[in-house]
Amino acid sequence: MKNLLNLSILFFAITMMVACKNDKGEKATVNEEAGEVKAAEGETYMVNTETSKVLWEGSKPAGTHNGTINISEGTVSVMGDKVTAGTFTMDMGSVTVLDLEGEYKGYLEAHLKGLGDDNTDDFFNVNKYPTSKFEITKVTALEGDPDGNHLIYGNLTLKDMTKEVGFKAFVDIKDNMVRVTTPQFTIDRTEWGIKYNSSDFFDNLKDKAIDNEVGLKINLVASK
């Protein structure tokens, strides 16, 4: 009976570990080739760079880190009650870590930006690639889905690689404003060549391994 109880506890612990590992959100659809960017039709709304941000979350065996990336510019095109096109640029030099303070916060932010002497290309190398970009290729309405009322596809450029990704989003158009918010979704960073401490490419990392899956959440507001 004691052995059975121990096995039950072990099974519960493993289940919880798997659940925690996969809680960064639904995996985005990724196409290796870039899609055709939608031409702007209708009225143009300018992205509010003060209130629009991309939130990120990364994890490793020891825990998770999270933060934000500023959106430096962007537009959304609207015809009637439909988004016809859109693009926004992320300022990679603005990558911020929210769950740390002091020296550790500064170290991780510098590492992500590639500002050290010997870790320039570990992550984003902001001196060489100061911005990333997303350009809409297709928008499809969804009905009855609790995670979004639209499926948005677009070309995501990180560093020097561009791939088409698709994710669910809530799109709200009213009062001369467009709001686009997403539940957290994930992309595999290694598909954009960011392989630092990935166990798929390096052996014997143990607790230094960093998950390939990165959680992303978009909060975007645009107005006329």
Foldseek 3Di string as FASTA:
>chain_A
DVVVVVVVVVVVVVVVVVCVVPPLAAAWDWAQDFADFFDADADKWKWDQVFWWKKKKWAFPVGIWIWIWTWDTKIWHDDDFDTRWMKIKTFLLRTFIDPDDDPVRVVVSCLQCLVDPPRCQLHANCVQVRMKMWIWRDKAADPPDPFAGIKTWTWTGGRHGTIIIIFHWHWDDDPQKIWIKGRKYWYQRVSNVNCRQDCVVDPPCVRVHIGRIMIMITTIMTGD
